[in-house]
Amino acid sequence: MVFGGISANPGNQGVLVVVSRQACRVLATLGMLIVTGCATSPISVPAAAPKTPEAQQALVAQRASERWDAMVKNDLDAAYAFMSPGSRQVTSLEKFKANTRRGAFRKGIVDSVVCEEGACKVRVVVTYDHPKMKGITTPVSEAWIIDGGQAWYVYASP
């Protein structure tokens, strides 16, 4: 009713517009805050680390196999994501890509995994092509760690 009295007077119509704009700004800001609050991801709790040596070995074997699948597909972005947070702090994605042969790997098969107190050694049999020889098969030893319930590849920069 108060606004009705103000808007009835032709000289005060500007006041009604200013109040409406301010109300719209407030409502728009509140709406954006609500939408933003709904869009943020919930706080994630790290998964519990596998307790038994068998569970640790299975986790590391799976992650190592997935990493080598990415290497064979020449998906270096995906392969980089398997690197431990510490390895990623020391080695940028660009440096990792520059140090990795592209398109040379045919397959990588996890041969063995040995874990001791969250540190694991993985033996992978890798088949790759060289410009002068095709289908070379060689064992590769990798270091992996279990941190925050996840297995991570420890990158040894060349």
C-alpha atoms as a PDB file:
ATOM      1  CA  MET A   1       0.000   0.000   0.000  1.00  0.00           C
ATOM      2  CA  VAL A   2       2.883   2.329   0.726  1.00  0.00           C
ATOM      3  CA  PHE A   3       4.261   1.786  -2.768  1.00  0.00           C
ATOM      4  CA  GLY A   4       0.785   2.297  -4.194  1.00  0.00           C
ATOM      5  CA  GLY A   5       0.660   5.784  -2.618  1.00  0.00           C
ATOM      6  CA  ILE A   6       4.117   6.632  -3.925  1.00  0.00           C
ATOM      7  CA  SER A   7       3.416   5.439  -7.445  1.00  0.00           C
ATOM      8  CA  ALA A   8       0.064   7.262  -7.538  1.00  0.00           C
ATOM      9  CA  ASN A   9       1.921  10.556  -7.435  1.00  0.00           C
ATOM     10  CA  PRO A  10       3.371  11.127 -10.950  1.00  0.00           C
ATOM     11  CA  GLY A  11       6.475  12.865  -9.599  1.00  0.00           C
ATOM     12  CA  ASN A  12       7.554   9.807  -7.578  1.00  0.00           C
ATOM     13  CA  GLN A  13       7.498   7.098 -10.275  1.00  0.00           C
ATOM     14  CA  GLY A  14      11.298   7.042 -10.341  1.00  0.00           C
ATOM     15  CA  VAL A  15      11.340   5.804  -6.733  1.00  0.00           C
ATOM     16  CA  LEU A  16       9.226   2.803  -7.682  1.00  0.00           C
ATOM     17  CA  VAL A  17      11.648   1.865 -10.499  1.00  0.00           C
ATOM     18  CA  VAL A  18      14.712   2.149  -8.243  1.00  0.00           C
ATOM     19  CA  VAL A  19      13.104  -0.051  -5.609  1.00  0.00           C
ATOM     20  CA  SER A  20      12.144  -2.620  -8.262  1.00  0.00           C
ATOM     21  CA  ARG A  21      15.653  -2.729  -9.723  1.00  0.00           C
ATOM     22  CA  GLN A  22      17.183  -3.163  -6.293  1.00  0.00           C
ATOM     23  CA  ALA A  23      14.731  -5.959  -5.476  1.00  0.00           C
ATOM     24  CA  CYS A  24      15.594  -7.669  -8.779  1.00  0.00           C
ATOM     25  CA  ARG A  25      19.314  -7.424  -8.033  1.00  0.00           C
ATOM     26  CA  VAL A  26      18.837  -8.938  -4.602  1.00  0.00           C
ATOM     27  CA  LEU A  27      16.665 -11.755  -5.946  1.00  0.00           C
ATOM     28  CA  ALA A  28      19.078 -12.446  -8.815  1.00  0.00           C
ATOM     29  CA  THR A  29      22.036 -12.559  -6.423  1.00  0.00           C
ATOM     30  CA  LEU A  30      20.208 -14.917  -4.076  1.00  0.00           C
ATOM     31  CA  GLY A  31      19.195 -17.120  -7.008  1.00  0.00           C
ATOM     32  CA  MET A  32      22.777 -17.322  -8.250  1.00  0.00           C
ATOM     33  CA  LEU A  33      24.026 -18.228  -4.775  1.00  0.00           C
ATOM     34  CA  ILE A  34      21.446 -20.992  -4.500  1.00  0.00           C
ATOM     35  CA  VAL A  35      22.273 -22.395  -7.949  1.00  0.00           C
ATOM     36  CA  THR A  36      26.008 -22.204  -7.256  1.00  0.00           C
ATOM     37  CA  GLY A  37      25.536 -23.950  -3.942  1.00  0.00           C
ATOM     38  CA  CYS A  38      23.679 -26.792  -5.649  1.00  0.00           C
ATOM     39  CA  ALA A  39      26.284 -27.106  -8.394  1.00  0.00           C
ATOM     40  CA  THR A  40      29.300 -27.536  -6.135  1.00  0.00           C
ATOM     41  CA  SER A  41      30.387 -31.069  -5.449  1.00  0.00           C
ATOM     42  CA  PRO A  42      30.071 -32.408  -1.950  1.00  0.00           C
ATOM     43  CA  ILE A  43      33.176 -32.768   0.167  1.00  0.00           C
ATOM     44  CA  SER A  44      34.724 -36.058  -0.774  1.00  0.00           C
ATOM     45  CA  VAL A  45      36.085 -38.324   1.893  1.00  0.00           C
ATOM     46  CA  PRO A  46      39.124 -40.298   0.772  1.00  0.00           C
ATOM     47  CA  ALA A  47      38.482 -43.986   0.373  1.00  0.00           C
ATOM     48  CA  ALA A  48      39.936 -46.262   2.972  1.00  0.00           C
ATOM     49  CA  ALA A  49      43.235 -47.763   1.934  1.00  0.00           C
ATOM     50  CA  PRO A  50      43.134 -51.482   1.253  1.00  0.00           C
ATOM     51  CA  LYS A  51      44.352 -53.276   4.370  1.00  0.00           C
ATOM     52  CA  THR A  52      45.482 -56.683   3.163  1.00  0.00           C
ATOM     53  CA  PRO A  53      48.503 -57.160   0.897  1.00  0.00           C
ATOM     54  CA  GLU A  54      46.254 -58.972  -1.592  1.00  0.00           C
ATOM     55  CA  ALA A  55      43.830 -56.029  -1.756  1.00  0.00           C
ATOM     56  CA  GLN A  56      46.716 -53.588  -2.195  1.00  0.00           C
ATOM     57  CA  GLN A  57      48.225 -55.711  -4.957  1.00  0.00           C
ATOM     58  CA  ALA A  58      44.869 -56.007  -6.732  1.00  0.00           C
ATOM     59  CA  LEU A  59      44.318 -52.235  -6.606  1.00  0.00           C
ATOM     60  CA  VAL A  60      47.813 -51.461  -7.902  1.00  0.00           C
ATOM     61  CA  ALA A  61      47.572 -54.134 -10.638  1.00  0.00           C
ATOM     62  CA  GLN A  62      44.268 -52.685 -11.841  1.00  0.00           C
ATOM     63  CA  ARG A  63      45.556 -49.101 -11.871  1.00  0.00           C
ATOM     64  CA  ALA A  64      48.835 -50.082 -13.565  1.00  0.00           C
ATOM     65  CA  SER A  65      46.903 -51.990 -16.235  1.00  0.00           C
ATOM     66  CA  GLU A  66      44.612 -48.985 -16.816  1.00  0.00           C
ATOM     67  CA  ARG A  67      47.647 -46.699 -17.104  1.00  0.00           C
ATOM     68  CA  TRP A  68      49.251 -48.948 -19.692  1.00  0.00           C
ATOM     69  CA  ASP A  69      45.970 -49.113 -21.610  1.00  0.00           C
ATOM     70  CA  ALA A  70      46.144 -45.305 -21.810  1.00  0.00           C
ATOM     71  CA  MET A  71      49.786 -45.465 -22.923  1.00  0.00           C
ATOM     72  CA  VAL A  72      48.936 -47.961 -25.677  1.00  0.00           C
ATOM     73  CA  LYS A  73      46.072 -45.721 -26.843  1.00  0.00           C
ATOM     74  CA  ASN A  74      48.538 -42.812 -26.835  1.00  0.00           C
ATOM     75  CA  ASP A  75      46.294 -40.976 -24.360  1.00  0.00           C
ATOM     76  CA  LEU A  76      49.056 -39.225 -22.459  1.00  0.00           C
ATOM     77  CA  ASP A  77      46.613 -36.957 -20.616  1.00  0.00           C
ATOM     78  CA  ALA A  78      44.964 -40.025 -19.078  1.00  0.00           C
ATOM     79  CA  ALA A  79      48.330 -41.660 -18.357  1.00  0.00           C
ATOM     80  CA  TYR A  80      49.496 -38.471 -16.623  1.00  0.00           C
ATOM     81  CA  ALA A  81      46.443 -38.577 -14.338  1.00  0.00           C
ATOM     82  CA  PHE A  82      47.741 -41.852 -12.827  1.00  0.00           C
ATOM     83  CA  MET A  83      50.873 -40.088 -11.567  1.00  0.00           C
ATOM     84  CA  SER A  84      51.133 -39.395  -7.862  1.00  0.00           C
ATOM     85  CA  PRO A  85      50.391 -35.843  -6.736  1.00  0.00           C
ATOM     86  CA  GLY A  86      54.081 -35.429  -5.843  1.00  0.00           C
ATOM     87  CA  SER A  87      55.153 -36.605  -9.302  1.00  0.00           C
ATOM     88  CA  ARG A  88      52.765 -34.117 -10.914  1.00  0.00           C
ATOM     89  CA  GLN A  89      54.193 -31.295  -8.791  1.00  0.00           C
ATOM     90  CA  VAL A  90      57.685 -32.068 -10.068  1.00  0.00           C
ATOM     91  CA  THR A  91      56.786 -32.957 -13.674  1.00  0.00           C
ATOM     92  CA  SER A  92      54.314 -30.918 -15.718  1.00  0.00           C
ATOM     93  CA  LEU A  93      52.038 -32.520 -18.294  1.00  0.00           C
ATOM     94  CA  GLU A  94      54.020 -30.832 -21.058  1.00  0.00           C
ATOM     95  CA  LYS A  95      57.310 -32.233 -19.749  1.00  0.00           C
ATOM     96  CA  PHE A  96      55.758 -35.698 -19.371  1.00  0.00           C
ATOM     97  CA  LYS A  97      54.526 -35.572 -22.972  1.00  0.00           C
ATOM     98  CA  ALA A  98      57.917 -34.378 -24.213  1.00  0.00           C
ATOM     99  CA  ASN A  99      59.688 -37.274 -22.442  1.00  0.00           C
ATOM    100  CA  THR A 100      57.293 -40.024 -23.584  1.00  0.00           C
ATOM    101  CA  ARG A 101      57.470 -41.811 -26.918  1.00  0.00           C
ATOM    102  CA  ARG A 102      54.197 -41.479 -28.745  1.00  0.00           C
ATOM    103  CA  GLY A 103      52.553 -44.293 -30.636  1.00  0.00           C
ATOM    104  CA  ALA A 104      55.320 -46.797 -29.934  1.00  0.00           C
ATOM    105  CA  PHE A 105      53.571 -49.008 -27.382  1.00  0.00           C
ATOM    106  CA  ARG A 106      51.584 -52.048 -28.511  1.00  0.00           C
ATOM    107  CA  LYS A 107      50.698 -53.457 -25.100  1.00  0.00           C
ATOM    108  CA  GLY A 108      51.615 -53.498 -21.451  1.00  0.00           C
ATOM    109  CA  ILE A 109      50.778 -56.535 -19.333  1.00  0.00           C
ATOM    110  CA  VAL A 110      51.145 -56.415 -15.544  1.00  0.00           C
ATOM    111  CA  ASP A 111      53.304 -59.405 -14.647  1.00  0.00           C
ATOM    112  CA  SER A 112      53.706 -59.016 -10.886  1.00  0.00           C
ATOM    113  CA  VAL A 113      52.970 -56.651  -8.010  1.00  0.00           C
ATOM    114  CA  VAL A 114      54.719 -56.683  -4.635  1.00  0.00           C
ATOM    115  CA  CYS A 115      53.542 -54.249  -1.951  1.00  0.00           C
ATOM    116  CA  GLU A 116      55.095 -53.451   1.395  1.00  0.00           C
ATOM    117  CA  GLU A 117      53.638 -50.769   3.678  1.00  0.00           C
ATOM    118  CA  GLY A 118      51.986 -48.779   0.880  1.00  0.00           C
ATOM    119  CA  ALA A 119      54.970 -48.869  -1.477  1.00  0.00           C
ATOM    120  CA  CYS A 120      54.681 -51.241  -4.431  1.00  0.00           C
ATOM    121  CA  LYS A 121      56.954 -52.524  -7.164  1.00  0.00           C
ATOM    122  CA  VAL A 122      55.205 -53.476 -10.384  1.00  0.00           C
ATOM    123  CA  ARG A 123      56.740 -55.507 -13.176  1.00  0.00           C
ATOM    124  CA  VAL A 124      55.116 -54.837 -16.544  1.00  0.00           C
ATOM    125  CA  VAL A 125      55.952 -56.658 -19.757  1.00  0.00           C
ATOM    126  CA  VAL A 126      55.829 -53.988 -22.458  1.00  0.00           C
ATOM    127  CA  THR A 127      55.690 -54.597 -26.188  1.00  0.00           C
ATOM    128  CA  TYR A 128      56.708 -51.645 -28.326  1.00  0.00           C
ATOM    129  CA  ASP A 129      57.993 -50.718 -31.754  1.00  0.00           C
ATOM    130  CA  HIS A 130      61.340 -49.143 -32.552  1.00  0.00           C
ATOM    131  CA  PRO A 131      62.000 -47.484 -35.920  1.00  0.00           C
ATOM    132  CA  LYS A 132      64.361 -50.345 -36.863  1.00  0.00           C
ATOM    133  CA  MET A 133      62.652 -53.209 -34.999  1.00  0.00           C
ATOM    134  CA  LYS A 134      59.006 -54.074 -34.434  1.00  0.00           C
ATOM    135  CA  GLY A 135      57.418 -55.963 -31.550  1.00  0.00           C
ATOM    136  CA  ILE A 136      60.175 -55.643 -28.960  1.00  0.00           C
ATOM    137  CA  THR A 137      59.118 -57.123 -25.619  1.00  0.00           C
ATOM    138  CA  THR A 138      60.887 -56.050 -22.449  1.00  0.00           C
ATOM    139  CA  PRO A 139      60.158 -56.016 -18.708  1.00  0.00           C
ATOM    140  CA  VAL A 140      59.723 -52.618 -17.082  1.00  0.00           C
ATOM    141  CA  SER A 141      59.863 -52.018 -13.341  1.00  0.00           C
ATOM    142  CA  GLU A 142      57.584 -49.316 -11.927  1.00  0.00           C
ATOM    143  CA  ALA A 143      57.175 -47.794  -8.468  1.00  0.00           C
ATOM    144  CA  TRP A 144      53.658 -47.222  -7.140  1.00  0.00           C
ATOM    145  CA  ILE A 145      52.366 -45.909  -3.823  1.00  0.00           C
ATOM    146  CA  ILE A 146      49.049 -46.181  -2.061  1.00  0.00           C
ATOM    147  CA  ASP A 147      47.947 -42.836  -0.676  1.00  0.00           C
ATOM    148  CA  GLY A 148      44.496 -41.688   0.385  1.00  0.00           C
ATOM    149  CA  GLY A 149      42.981 -45.044  -0.560  1.00  0.00           C
ATOM    150  CA  GLN A 150      44.234 -44.801  -4.168  1.00  0.00           C
ATOM    151  CA  ALA A 151      47.204 -46.267  -6.028  1.00  0.00           C
ATOM    152  CA  TRP A 152      49.511 -43.770  -7.749  1.00  0.00           C
ATOM    153  CA  TYR A 153      52.354 -44.208 -10.234  1.00  0.00           C
ATOM    154  CA  VAL A 154      55.628 -42.642  -9.093  1.00  0.00           C
ATOM    155  CA  TYR A 155      57.175 -41.098 -12.193  1.00  0.00           C
ATOM    156  CA  ALA A 156      60.938 -41.282 -12.546  1.00  0.00           C
ATOM    157  CA  SER A 157      61.801 -38.370 -14.813  1.00  0.00           C
ATOM    158  CA  PRO A 158      64.513 -39.214 -17.353  1.00  0.00           C
END
